[in-house]
Amino acid sequence: QVQVVESGGGLVQPGGSLRLSCAASGTDFSIYAIAWYRQAPGEQRQLVAAITNGGRTNYADSVKGRFTISRDNAKSTVYLQMNNLRPEDTAVYYCKVTNTPENYWGQGTQVTVSS
């Protein structure tokens, strides 16, 4: 059974930075594609950034140039570096670990951007 745990969320002022971590256990991490999603109150869950097992990345237009996704297979961890945060980035951020057709989700970590 794959377990996925997110961490690193918190309260930050507009323009600030946070780094989220997604750790997965119980699997050969290197074969999985990893994605970060976010869900704000009253809204649908949306893709923020993703990285393939080969290291290819893609981003939502709203975060391009501000967020960076990376992975460290030796630590079974994916990171989401978030810079120049905006109030509209406020949401619960979720990590999804995928090896089609398998998908595993974490419980999420809250990010709040507010002055």
PDB file of N, CA and C in Angstrom:
ATOM      1  N   GLN A   1       0.841  -1.175   0.000  1.00  0.00           N
ATOM      2  CA  GLN A   1       0.000   0.000   0.000  1.00  0.00           C
ATOM      3  C   GLN A   1       0.889   1.243   0.000  1.00  0.00           C
ATOM      4  N   VAL A   2       0.617   2.160  -0.923  1.00  0.00           N
ATOM      5  CA  VAL A   2       1.393   3.390  -1.017  1.00  0.00           C
ATOM      6  C   VAL A   2       0.800   4.424  -0.066  1.00  0.00           C
ATOM      7  N   GLN A   3       1.643   5.042   0.720  1.00  0.00           N
ATOM      8  CA  GLN A   3       1.221   6.132   1.603  1.00  0.00           C
ATOM      9  C   GLN A   3       1.848   7.428   1.128  1.00  0.00           C
ATOM     10  N   VAL A   4       1.028   8.465   1.061  1.00  0.00           N
ATOM     11  CA  VAL A   4       1.462   9.765   0.562  1.00  0.00           C
ATOM     12  C   VAL A   4       1.227  10.804   1.653  1.00  0.00           C
ATOM     13  N   VAL A   5       2.253  11.575   1.981  1.00  0.00           N
ATOM     14  CA  VAL A   5       2.143  12.571   3.046  1.00  0.00           C
ATOM     15  C   VAL A   5       2.693  13.899   2.554  1.00  0.00           C
ATOM     16  N   GLU A   6       1.845  14.935   2.621  1.00  0.00           N
ATOM     17  CA  GLU A   6       2.278  16.286   2.262  1.00  0.00           C
ATOM     18  C   GLU A   6       2.670  17.052   3.523  1.00  0.00           C
ATOM     19  N   SER A   7       3.571  17.990   3.359  1.00  0.00           N
ATOM     20  CA  SER A   7       3.957  18.863   4.460  1.00  0.00           C
ATOM     21  C   SER A   7       4.469  20.181   3.903  1.00  0.00           C
ATOM     22  N   GLY A   8       4.625  21.170   4.791  1.00  0.00           N
ATOM     23  CA  GLY A   8       5.220  22.437   4.397  1.00  0.00           C
ATOM     24  C   GLY A   8       4.251  23.590   4.236  1.00  0.00           C
ATOM     25  N   GLY A   9       2.966  23.329   4.384  1.00  0.00           N
ATOM     26  CA  GLY A   9       2.000  24.414   4.259  1.00  0.00           C
ATOM     27  C   GLY A   9       2.063  25.364   5.442  1.00  0.00           C
ATOM     28  N   GLY A  10       1.329  26.457   5.333  1.00  0.00           N
ATOM     29  CA  GLY A  10       1.292  27.421   6.408  1.00  0.00           C
ATOM     30  C   GLY A  10       0.727  28.740   5.960  1.00  0.00           C
ATOM     31  N   LEU A  11       0.913  29.745   6.809  1.00  0.00           N
ATOM     32  CA  LEU A  11       0.454  31.101   6.532  1.00  0.00           C
ATOM     33  C   LEU A  11       1.642  31.945   6.083  1.00  0.00           C
ATOM     34  N   VAL A  12       1.469  32.640   4.976  1.00  0.00           N
ATOM     35  CA  VAL A  12       2.547  33.462   4.440  1.00  0.00           C
ATOM     36  C   VAL A  12       1.949  34.746   3.884  1.00  0.00           C
ATOM     37  N   GLN A  13       2.717  35.812   3.918  1.00  0.00           N
ATOM     38  CA  GLN A  13       2.254  37.088   3.379  1.00  0.00           C
ATOM     39  C   GLN A  13       2.366  37.098   1.858  1.00  0.00           C
ATOM     40  N   PRO A  14       1.560  37.900   1.200  1.00  0.00           N
ATOM     41  CA  PRO A  14       1.700  38.037  -0.257  1.00  0.00           C
ATOM     42  C   PRO A  14       3.131  38.399  -0.635  1.00  0.00           C
ATOM     43  N   GLY A  15       3.625  37.750  -1.676  1.00  0.00           N
ATOM     44  CA  GLY A  15       5.008  37.934  -2.100  1.00  0.00           C
ATOM     45  C   GLY A  15       5.981  36.983  -1.449  1.00  0.00           C
ATOM     46  N   GLY A  16       5.524  36.250  -0.458  1.00  0.00           N
ATOM     47  CA  GLY A  16       6.390  35.324   0.260  1.00  0.00           C
ATOM     48  C   GLY A  16       6.544  33.988  -0.464  1.00  0.00           C
ATOM     49  N   SER A  17       7.271  33.076   0.184  1.00  0.00           N
ATOM     50  CA  SER A  17       7.574  31.768  -0.406  1.00  0.00           C
ATOM     51  C   SER A  17       7.280  30.650   0.584  1.00  0.00           C
ATOM     52  N   LEU A  18       6.973  29.501   0.036  1.00  0.00           N
ATOM     53  CA  LEU A  18       6.847  28.262   0.803  1.00  0.00           C
ATOM     54  C   LEU A  18       7.365  27.122  -0.059  1.00  0.00           C
ATOM     55  N   ARG A  19       7.828  26.073   0.602  1.00  0.00           N
ATOM     56  CA  ARG A  19       8.192  24.858  -0.117  1.00  0.00           C
ATOM     57  C   ARG A  19       7.381  23.703   0.454  1.00  0.00           C
ATOM     58  N   LEU A  20       6.583  23.099  -0.390  1.00  0.00           N
ATOM     59  CA  LEU A  20       5.819  21.928   0.000  1.00  0.00           C
ATOM     60  C   LEU A  20       6.601  20.664  -0.329  1.00  0.00           C
ATOM     61  N   SER A  21       6.398  19.645   0.494  1.00  0.00           N
ATOM     62  CA  SER A  21       7.020  18.345   0.266  1.00  0.00           C
ATOM     63  C   SER A  21       5.946  17.272   0.172  1.00  0.00           C
ATOM     64  N   CYS A  22       6.200  16.301  -0.671  1.00  0.00           N
ATOM     65  CA  CYS A  22       5.316  15.145  -0.827  1.00  0.00           C
ATOM     66  C   CYS A  22       6.181  13.903  -0.723  1.00  0.00           C
ATOM     67  N   ALA A  23       5.982  13.149   0.343  1.00  0.00           N
ATOM     68  CA  ALA A  23       6.766  11.937   0.561  1.00  0.00           C
ATOM     69  C   ALA A  23       5.869  10.721   0.356  1.00  0.00           C
ATOM     70  N   ALA A  24       6.397   9.744  -0.383  1.00  0.00           N
ATOM     71  CA  ALA A  24       5.639   8.525  -0.646  1.00  0.00           C
ATOM     72  C   ALA A  24       6.421   7.320  -0.155  1.00  0.00           C
ATOM     73  N   SER A  25       5.759   6.411   0.508  1.00  0.00           N
ATOM     74  CA  SER A  25       6.407   5.211   1.015  1.00  0.00           C
ATOM     75  C   SER A  25       5.652   3.977   0.528  1.00  0.00           C
ATOM     76  N   GLY A  26       6.337   2.841   0.577  1.00  0.00           N
ATOM     77  CA  GLY A  26       5.692   1.604   0.195  1.00  0.00           C
ATOM     78  C   GLY A  26       5.706   1.326  -1.292  1.00  0.00           C
ATOM     79  N   THR A  27       6.629   1.999  -2.011  1.00  0.00           N
ATOM     80  CA  THR A  27       6.648   1.819  -3.455  1.00  0.00           C
ATOM     81  C   THR A  27       8.023   2.166  -4.008  1.00  0.00           C
ATOM     82  N   ASP A  28       8.251   1.760  -5.255  1.00  0.00           N
ATOM     83  CA  ASP A  28       9.427   2.211  -5.980  1.00  0.00           C
ATOM     84  C   ASP A  28       9.109   3.593  -6.525  1.00  0.00           C
ATOM     85  N   PHE A  29       9.501   4.600  -5.776  1.00  0.00           N
ATOM     86  CA  PHE A  29       9.096   5.975  -6.047  1.00  0.00           C
ATOM     87  C   PHE A  29       9.476   6.417  -7.448  1.00  0.00           C
ATOM     88  N   SER A  30      10.604   5.946  -7.952  1.00  0.00           N
ATOM     89  CA  SER A  30      11.139   6.466  -9.212  1.00  0.00           C
ATOM     90  C   SER A  30      10.249   6.185 -10.422  1.00  0.00           C
ATOM     91  N   ILE A  31       9.343   5.217 -10.321  1.00  0.00           N
ATOM     92  CA  ILE A  31       8.525   4.867 -11.483  1.00  0.00           C
ATOM     93  C   ILE A  31       7.249   5.695 -11.573  1.00  0.00           C
ATOM     94  N   TYR A  32       6.972   6.471 -10.526  1.00  0.00           N
ATOM     95  CA  TYR A  32       5.700   7.176 -10.441  1.00  0.00           C
ATOM     96  C   TYR A  32       5.797   8.597 -10.995  1.00  0.00           C
ATOM     97  N   ALA A  33       4.708   9.010 -11.627  1.00  0.00           N
ATOM     98  CA  ALA A  33       4.513  10.415 -11.937  1.00  0.00           C
ATOM     99  C   ALA A  33       3.849  11.058 -10.727  1.00  0.00           C
ATOM    100  N   ILE A  34       4.212  12.286 -10.459  1.00  0.00           N
ATOM    101  CA  ILE A  34       3.730  12.992  -9.270  1.00  0.00           C
ATOM    102  C   ILE A  34       3.111  14.311  -9.701  1.00  0.00           C
ATOM    103  N   ALA A  35       2.001  14.650  -9.092  1.00  0.00           N
ATOM    104  CA  ALA A  35       1.368  15.920  -9.402  1.00  0.00           C
ATOM    105  C   ALA A  35       0.891  16.599  -8.133  1.00  0.00           C
ATOM    106  N   TRP A  36       0.926  17.911  -8.161  1.00  0.00           N
ATOM    107  CA  TRP A  36       0.332  18.737  -7.103  1.00  0.00           C
ATOM    108  C   TRP A  36      -0.974  19.328  -7.635  1.00  0.00           C
ATOM    109  N   TYR A  37      -2.003  19.221  -6.816  1.00  0.00           N
ATOM    110  CA  TYR A  37      -3.289  19.837  -7.088  1.00  0.00           C
ATOM    111  C   TYR A  37      -3.616  20.779  -5.934  1.00  0.00           C
ATOM    112  N   ARG A  38      -4.567  21.657  -6.161  1.00  0.00           N
ATOM    113  CA  ARG A  38      -5.045  22.498  -5.071  1.00  0.00           C
ATOM    114  C   ARG A  38      -6.558  22.668  -5.187  1.00  0.00           C
ATOM    115  N   GLN A  39      -7.146  22.900  -4.022  1.00  0.00           N
ATOM    116  CA  GLN A  39      -8.592  23.084  -3.966  1.00  0.00           C
ATOM    117  C   GLN A  39      -8.908  24.196  -2.979  1.00  0.00           C
ATOM    118  N   ALA A  40      -9.485  25.255  -3.509  1.00  0.00           N
ATOM    119  CA  ALA A  40      -9.939  26.366  -2.675  1.00  0.00           C
ATOM    120  C   ALA A  40     -11.392  26.115  -2.262  1.00  0.00           C
ATOM    121  N   PRO A  41     -11.843  26.744  -1.190  1.00  0.00           N
ATOM    122  CA  PRO A  41     -13.226  26.540  -0.742  1.00  0.00           C
ATOM    123  C   PRO A  41     -14.227  26.852  -1.843  1.00  0.00           C
ATOM    124  N   GLY A  42     -15.155  25.918  -2.073  1.00  0.00           N
ATOM    125  CA  GLY A  42     -16.193  26.122  -3.067  1.00  0.00           C
ATOM    126  C   GLY A  42     -15.762  25.909  -4.499  1.00  0.00           C
ATOM    127  N   GLU A  43     -14.517  25.488  -4.693  1.00  0.00           N
ATOM    128  CA  GLU A  43     -14.022  25.294  -6.056  1.00  0.00           C
ATOM    129  C   GLU A  43     -13.604  23.846  -6.277  1.00  0.00           C
ATOM    130  N   GLN A  44     -13.447  23.494  -7.559  1.00  0.00           N
ATOM    131  CA  GLN A  44     -12.986  22.156  -7.891  1.00  0.00           C
ATOM    132  C   GLN A  44     -11.480  22.045  -7.717  1.00  0.00           C
ATOM    133  N   ARG A  45     -11.029  20.839  -7.492  1.00  0.00           N
ATOM    134  CA  ARG A  45      -9.598  20.580  -7.389  1.00  0.00           C
ATOM    135  C   ARG A  45      -8.961  20.800  -8.763  1.00  0.00           C
ATOM    136  N   GLN A  46      -7.828  21.519  -8.771  1.00  0.00           N
ATOM    137  CA  GLN A  46      -7.174  21.877 -10.022  1.00  0.00           C
ATOM    138  C   GLN A  46      -5.717  21.460 -10.012  1.00  0.00           C
ATOM    139  N   LEU A  47      -5.233  21.073 -11.170  1.00  0.00           N
ATOM    140  CA  LEU A  47      -3.826  20.732 -11.321  1.00  0.00           C
ATOM    141  C   LEU A  47      -2.974  21.990 -11.204  1.00  0.00           C
ATOM    142  N   VAL A  48      -1.920  21.898 -10.411  1.00  0.00           N
ATOM    143  CA  VAL A  48      -0.976  23.005 -10.249  1.00  0.00           C
ATOM    144  C   VAL A  48       0.313  22.730 -11.017  1.00  0.00           C
ATOM    145  N   ALA A  49       0.894  21.547 -10.794  1.00  0.00           N
ATOM    146  CA  ALA A  49       2.157  21.198 -11.433  1.00  0.00           C
ATOM    147  C   ALA A  49       2.312  19.687 -11.406  1.00  0.00           C
ATOM    148  N   ALA A  50       3.076  19.165 -12.367  1.00  0.00           N
ATOM    149  CA  ALA A  50       3.287  17.732 -12.437  1.00  0.00           C
ATOM    150  C   ALA A  50       4.690  17.440 -12.936  1.00  0.00           C
ATOM    151  N   ILE A  51       5.189  16.274 -12.556  1.00  0.00           N
ATOM    152  CA  ILE A  51       6.513  15.835 -13.010  1.00  0.00           C
ATOM    153  C   ILE A  51       6.433  14.347 -13.320  1.00  0.00           C
ATOM    154  N   THR A  52       6.955  13.962 -14.484  1.00  0.00           N
ATOM    155  CA  THR A  52       6.929  12.556 -14.882  1.00  0.00           C
ATOM    156  C   THR A  52       8.072  11.792 -14.217  1.00  0.00           C
ATOM    157  N   ASN A  53       8.083  10.466 -14.396  1.00  0.00           N
ATOM    158  CA  ASN A  53       9.183   9.685 -13.830  1.00  0.00           C
ATOM    159  C   ASN A  53      10.497   9.997 -14.537  1.00  0.00           C
ATOM    160  N   GLY A  54      10.423  10.604 -15.724  1.00  0.00           N
ATOM    161  CA  GLY A  54      11.625  11.015 -16.437  1.00  0.00           C
ATOM    162  C   GLY A  54      12.045  12.442 -16.146  1.00  0.00           C
ATOM    163  N   GLY A  55      11.270  13.144 -15.315  1.00  0.00           N
ATOM    164  CA  GLY A  55      11.635  14.500 -14.927  1.00  0.00           C
ATOM    165  C   GLY A  55      11.012  15.608 -15.750  1.00  0.00           C
ATOM    166  N   ARG A  56      10.139  15.246 -16.691  1.00  0.00           N
ATOM    167  CA  ARG A  56       9.477  16.280 -17.485  1.00  0.00           C
ATOM    168  C   ARG A  56       8.404  16.949 -16.639  1.00  0.00           C
ATOM    169  N   THR A  57       8.299  18.269 -16.759  1.00  0.00           N
ATOM    170  CA  THR A  57       7.383  19.025 -15.913  1.00  0.00           C
ATOM    171  C   THR A  57       6.344  19.789 -16.731  1.00  0.00           C
ATOM    172  N   ASN A  58       5.213  20.081 -16.093  1.00  0.00           N
ATOM    173  CA  ASN A  58       4.255  21.011 -16.678  1.00  0.00           C
ATOM    174  C   ASN A  58       3.545  21.747 -15.551  1.00  0.00           C
ATOM    175  N   TYR A  59       3.048  22.934 -15.882  1.00  0.00           N
ATOM    176  CA  TYR A  59       2.483  23.827 -14.875  1.00  0.00           C
ATOM    177  C   TYR A  59       1.173  24.434 -15.358  1.00  0.00           C
ATOM    178  N   ALA A  60       0.324  24.745 -14.413  1.00  0.00           N
ATOM    179  CA  ALA A  60      -0.849  25.557 -14.719  1.00  0.00           C
ATOM    180  C   ALA A  60      -0.372  26.955 -15.100  1.00  0.00           C
ATOM    181  N   ASP A  61      -1.095  27.587 -16.009  1.00  0.00           N
ATOM    182  CA  ASP A  61      -0.688  28.919 -16.456  1.00  0.00           C
ATOM    183  C   ASP A  61      -0.590  29.901 -15.294  1.00  0.00           C
ATOM    184  N   SER A  62      -1.447  29.743 -14.309  1.00  0.00           N
ATOM    185  CA  SER A  62      -1.506  30.698 -13.204  1.00  0.00           C
ATOM    186  C   SER A  62      -0.279  30.652 -12.303  1.00  0.00           C
ATOM    187  N   VAL A  63       0.526  29.605 -12.395  1.00  0.00           N
ATOM    188  CA  VAL A  63       1.701  29.487 -11.514  1.00  0.00           C
ATOM    189  C   VAL A  63       3.018  29.467 -12.280  1.00  0.00           C
ATOM    190  N   LYS A  64       2.955  29.488 -13.596  1.00  0.00           N
ATOM    191  CA  LYS A  64       4.193  29.462 -14.387  1.00  0.00           C
ATOM    192  C   LYS A  64       5.075  30.649 -14.036  1.00  0.00           C
ATOM    193  N   GLY A  65       6.358  30.366 -13.844  1.00  0.00           N
ATOM    194  CA  GLY A  65       7.306  31.411 -13.490  1.00  0.00           C
ATOM    195  C   GLY A  65       7.384  31.686 -12.001  1.00  0.00           C
ATOM    196  N   ARG A  66       6.448  31.137 -11.220  1.00  0.00           N
ATOM    197  CA  ARG A  66       6.452  31.357  -9.766  1.00  0.00           C
ATOM    198  C   ARG A  66       6.675  30.053  -8.998  1.00  0.00           C
ATOM    199  N   PHE A  67       6.155  28.954  -9.504  1.00  0.00           N
ATOM    200  CA  PHE A  67       6.265  27.652  -8.833  1.00  0.00           C
ATOM    201  C   PHE A  67       7.225  26.749  -9.601  1.00  0.00           C
ATOM    202  N   THR A  68       7.936  25.906  -8.850  1.00  0.00           N
ATOM    203  CA  THR A  68       8.830  24.927  -9.450  1.00  0.00           C
ATOM    204  C   THR A  68       8.630  23.577  -8.780  1.00  0.00           C
ATOM    205  N   ILE A  69       8.389  22.566  -9.592  1.00  0.00           N
ATOM    206  CA  ILE A  69       8.266  21.206  -9.073  1.00  0.00           C
ATOM    207  C   ILE A  69       9.564  20.458  -9.342  1.00  0.00           C
ATOM    208  N   SER A  70       9.989  19.656  -8.378  1.00  0.00           N
ATOM    209  CA  SER A  70      11.211  18.868  -8.538  1.00  0.00           C
ATOM    210  C   SER A  70      11.055  17.580  -7.735  1.00  0.00           C
ATOM    211  N   ARG A  71      11.909  16.621  -8.029  1.00  0.00           N
ATOM    212  CA  ARG A  71      11.826  15.347  -7.319  1.00  0.00           C
ATOM    213  C   ARG A  71      13.215  14.874  -6.919  1.00  0.00           C
ATOM    214  N   ASP A  72      13.253  14.168  -5.802  1.00  0.00           N
ATOM    215  CA  ASP A  72      14.466  13.531  -5.307  1.00  0.00           C
ATOM    216  C   ASP A  72      14.100  12.068  -5.076  1.00  0.00           C
ATOM    217  N   ASN A  73      14.409  11.231  -6.043  1.00  0.00           N
ATOM    218  CA  ASN A  73      13.998   9.823  -5.947  1.00  0.00           C
ATOM    219  C   ASN A  73      14.705   9.109  -4.794  1.00  0.00           C
ATOM    220  N   ALA A  74      15.909   9.509  -4.471  1.00  0.00           N
ATOM    221  CA  ALA A  74      16.634   8.876  -3.362  1.00  0.00           C
ATOM    222  C   ALA A  74      15.904   9.097  -2.033  1.00  0.00           C
ATOM    223  N   LYS A  75      15.181  10.199  -1.942  1.00  0.00           N
ATOM    224  CA  LYS A  75      14.430  10.510  -0.719  1.00  0.00           C
ATOM    225  C   LYS A  75      12.937  10.225  -0.875  1.00  0.00           C
ATOM    226  N   SER A  76      12.545   9.694  -2.047  1.00  0.00           N
ATOM    227  CA  SER A  76      11.128   9.406  -2.314  1.00  0.00           C
ATOM    228  C   SER A  76      10.259  10.626  -2.038  1.00  0.00           C
ATOM    229  N   THR A  77      10.734  11.772  -2.501  1.00  0.00           N
ATOM    230  CA  THR A  77      10.064  13.037  -2.192  1.00  0.00           C
ATOM    231  C   THR A  77      10.006  13.932  -3.425  1.00  0.00           C
ATOM    232  N   VAL A  78       8.879  14.611  -3.557  1.00  0.00           N
ATOM    233  CA  VAL A  78       8.717  15.650  -4.569  1.00  0.00           C
ATOM    234  C   VAL A  78       8.484  16.965  -3.848  1.00  0.00           C
ATOM    235  N   TYR A  79       9.033  18.024  -4.401  1.00  0.00           N
ATOM    236  CA  TYR A  79       8.919  19.346  -3.795  1.00  0.00           C
ATOM    237  C   TYR A  79       8.143  20.285  -4.722  1.00  0.00           C
ATOM    238  N   LEU A  80       7.475  21.234  -4.110  1.00  0.00           N
ATOM    239  CA  LEU A  80       6.851  22.321  -4.859  1.00  0.00           C
ATOM    240  C   LEU A  80       7.328  23.620  -4.219  1.00  0.00           C
ATOM    241  N   GLN A  81       8.262  24.270  -4.896  1.00  0.00           N
ATOM    242  CA  GLN A  81       8.754  25.562  -4.435  1.00  0.00           C
ATOM    243  C   GLN A  81       7.812  26.632  -4.958  1.00  0.00           C
ATOM    244  N   MET A  82       7.247  27.402  -4.066  1.00  0.00           N
ATOM    245  CA  MET A  82       6.261  28.417  -4.432  1.00  0.00           C
ATOM    246  C   MET A  82       6.790  29.788  -4.038  1.00  0.00           C
ATOM    247  N   ASN A  83       7.025  30.618  -5.030  1.00  0.00           N
ATOM    248  CA  ASN A  83       7.538  31.968  -4.810  1.00  0.00           C
ATOM    249  C   ASN A  83       6.507  33.005  -5.233  1.00  0.00           C
ATOM    250  N   ASN A  84       6.697  34.219  -4.741  1.00  0.00           N
ATOM    251  CA  ASN A  84       5.810  35.322  -5.095  1.00  0.00           C
ATOM    252  C   ASN A  84       4.341  34.921  -4.922  1.00  0.00           C
ATOM    253  N   LEU A  85       4.044  34.392  -3.762  1.00  0.00           N
ATOM    254  CA  LEU A  85       2.687  33.891  -3.520  1.00  0.00           C
ATOM    255  C   LEU A  85       1.671  35.019  -3.490  1.00  0.00           C
ATOM    256  N   ARG A  86       0.470  34.667  -3.948  1.00  0.00           N
ATOM    257  CA  ARG A  86      -0.636  35.617  -4.044  1.00  0.00           C
ATOM    258  C   ARG A  86      -1.813  35.122  -3.209  1.00  0.00           C
ATOM    259  N   PRO A  87      -2.693  36.007  -2.801  1.00  0.00           N
ATOM    260  CA  PRO A  87      -3.871  35.545  -2.038  1.00  0.00           C
ATOM    261  C   PRO A  87      -4.674  34.472  -2.775  1.00  0.00           C
ATOM    262  N   GLU A  88      -4.701  34.537  -4.093  1.00  0.00           N
ATOM    263  CA  GLU A  88      -5.464  33.544  -4.847  1.00  0.00           C
ATOM    264  C   GLU A  88      -4.799  32.168  -4.878  1.00  0.00           C
ATOM    265  N   ASP A  89      -3.599  32.066  -4.337  1.00  0.00           N
ATOM    266  CA  ASP A  89      -2.949  30.759  -4.194  1.00  0.00           C
ATOM    267  C   ASP A  89      -3.431  30.026  -2.941  1.00  0.00           C
ATOM    268  N   THR A  90      -4.214  30.692  -2.128  1.00  0.00           N
ATOM    269  CA  THR A  90      -4.734  30.077  -0.914  1.00  0.00           C
ATOM    270  C   THR A  90      -5.606  28.879  -1.258  1.00  0.00           C
ATOM    271  N   ALA A  91      -5.272  27.735  -0.673  1.00  0.00           N
ATOM    272  CA  ALA A  91      -5.993  26.491  -0.963  1.00  0.00           C
ATOM    273  C   ALA A  91      -5.397  25.372  -0.127  1.00  0.00           C
ATOM    274  N   VAL A  92      -6.060  24.232  -0.163  1.00  0.00           N
ATOM    275  CA  VAL A  92      -5.447  23.003   0.326  1.00  0.00           C
ATOM    276  C   VAL A  92      -4.719  22.370  -0.855  1.00  0.00           C
ATOM    277  N   TYR A  93      -3.462  22.050  -0.643  1.00  0.00           N
ATOM    278  CA  TYR A  93      -2.630  21.482  -1.697  1.00  0.00           C
ATOM    279  C   TYR A  93      -2.490  19.974  -1.476  1.00  0.00           C
ATOM    280  N   TYR A  94      -2.758  19.237  -2.537  1.00  0.00           N
ATOM    281  CA  TYR A  94      -2.728  17.779  -2.486  1.00  0.00           C
ATOM    282  C   TYR A  94      -1.673  17.228  -3.441  1.00  0.00           C
ATOM    283  N   CYS A  95      -1.103  16.111  -3.046  1.00  0.00           N
ATOM    284  CA  CYS A  95      -0.139  15.410  -3.883  1.00  0.00           C
ATOM    285  C   CYS A  95      -0.777  14.126  -4.392  1.00  0.00           C
ATOM    286  N   LYS A  96      -0.594  13.845  -5.672  1.00  0.00           N
ATOM    287  CA  LYS A  96      -1.089  12.612  -6.275  1.00  0.00           C
ATOM    288  C   LYS A  96       0.073  11.850  -6.879  1.00  0.00           C
ATOM    289  N   VAL A  97       0.158  10.580  -6.522  1.00  0.00           N
ATOM    290  CA  VAL A  97       1.204   9.691  -7.017  1.00  0.00           C
ATOM    291  C   VAL A  97       0.545   8.726  -7.997  1.00  0.00           C
ATOM    292  N   THR A  98       1.075   8.636  -9.209  1.00  0.00           N
ATOM    293  CA  THR A  98       0.409   7.886 -10.269  1.00  0.00           C
ATOM    294  C   THR A  98       1.350   6.916 -10.964  1.00  0.00           C
ATOM    295  N   ASN A  99       0.871   5.672 -11.101  1.00  0.00           N
ATOM    296  CA  ASN A  99       1.439   4.712 -12.037  1.00  0.00           C
ATOM    297  C   ASN A  99       0.231   4.019 -12.652  1.00  0.00           C
ATOM    298  N   THR A 100      -0.235   4.612 -13.732  1.00  0.00           N
ATOM    299  CA  THR A 100      -1.519   4.219 -14.336  1.00  0.00           C
ATOM    300  C   THR A 100      -1.682   2.708 -14.370  1.00  0.00           C
ATOM    301  N   PRO A 101      -2.833   2.183 -13.880  1.00  0.00           N
ATOM    302  CA  PRO A 101      -4.037   2.895 -13.450  1.00  0.00           C
ATOM    303  C   PRO A 101      -4.090   3.237 -11.965  1.00  0.00           C
ATOM    304  N   GLU A 102      -2.993   3.107 -11.268  1.00  0.00           N
ATOM    305  CA  GLU A 102      -2.984   3.368  -9.828  1.00  0.00           C
ATOM    306  C   GLU A 102      -2.828   4.857  -9.555  1.00  0.00           C
ATOM    307  N   ASN A 103      -3.618   5.354  -8.621  1.00  0.00           N
ATOM    308  CA  ASN A 103      -3.500   6.732  -8.141  1.00  0.00           C
ATOM    309  C   ASN A 103      -3.591   6.722  -6.630  1.00  0.00           C
ATOM    310  N   TYR A 104      -2.706   7.474  -6.005  1.00  0.00           N
ATOM    311  CA  TYR A 104      -2.720   7.581  -4.549  1.00  0.00           C
ATOM    312  C   TYR A 104      -2.651   9.059  -4.177  1.00  0.00           C
ATOM    313  N   TRP A 105      -3.507   9.452  -3.242  1.00  0.00           N
ATOM    314  CA  TRP A 105      -3.588  10.843  -2.812  1.00  0.00           C
ATOM    315  C   TRP A 105      -3.168  10.976  -1.355  1.00  0.00           C
ATOM    316  N   GLY A 106      -2.588  12.126  -1.052  1.00  0.00           N
ATOM    317  CA  GLY A 106      -2.343  12.467   0.329  1.00  0.00           C
ATOM    318  C   GLY A 106      -3.532  13.183   0.930  1.00  0.00           C
ATOM    319  N   GLN A 107      -3.397  13.571   2.189  1.00  0.00           N
ATOM    320  CA  GLN A 107      -4.490  14.224   2.919  1.00  0.00           C
ATOM    321  C   GLN A 107      -4.518  15.733   2.695  1.00  0.00           C
ATOM    322  N   GLY A 108      -3.457  16.282   2.135  1.00  0.00           N
ATOM    323  CA  GLY A 108      -3.426  17.706   1.837  1.00  0.00           C
ATOM    324  C   GLY A 108      -2.749  18.531   2.907  1.00  0.00           C
ATOM    325  N   THR A 109      -2.275  19.709   2.486  1.00  0.00           N
ATOM    326  CA  THR A 109      -1.673  20.659   3.408  1.00  0.00           C
ATOM    327  C   THR A 109      -2.199  22.050   3.056  1.00  0.00           C
ATOM    328  N   GLN A 110      -2.577  22.802   4.079  1.00  0.00           N
ATOM    329  CA  GLN A 110      -3.197  24.101   3.872  1.00  0.00           C
ATOM    330  C   GLN A 110      -2.148  25.172   3.607  1.00  0.00           C
ATOM    331  N   VAL A 111      -2.380  25.945   2.563  1.00  0.00           N
ATOM    332  CA  VAL A 111      -1.565  27.125   2.267  1.00  0.00           C
ATOM    333  C   VAL A 111      -2.488  28.334   2.305  1.00  0.00           C
ATOM    334  N   THR A 112      -2.122  29.302   3.134  1.00  0.00           N
ATOM    335  CA  THR A 112      -2.904  30.531   3.251  1.00  0.00           C
ATOM    336  C   THR A 112      -1.995  31.723   2.984  1.00  0.00           C
ATOM    337  N   VAL A 113      -2.386  32.528   2.013  1.00  0.00           N
ATOM    338  CA  VAL A 113      -1.611  33.711   1.659  1.00  0.00           C
ATOM    339  C   VAL A 113      -2.437  34.930   2.042  1.00  0.00           C
ATOM    340  N   SER A 114      -1.964  35.626   3.057  1.00  0.00           N
ATOM    341  CA  SER A 114      -2.745  36.740   3.574  1.00  0.00           C
ATOM    342  C   SER A 114      -1.846  37.691   4.348  1.00  0.00           C
ATOM    343  N   SER A 115      -2.196  38.972   4.297  1.00  0.00           N
ATOM    344  CA  SER A 115      -1.457  39.954   5.087  1.00  0.00           C
ATOM    345  C   SER A 115      -2.139  40.175   6.432  1.00  0.00           C
TER     346      SER A 115
END
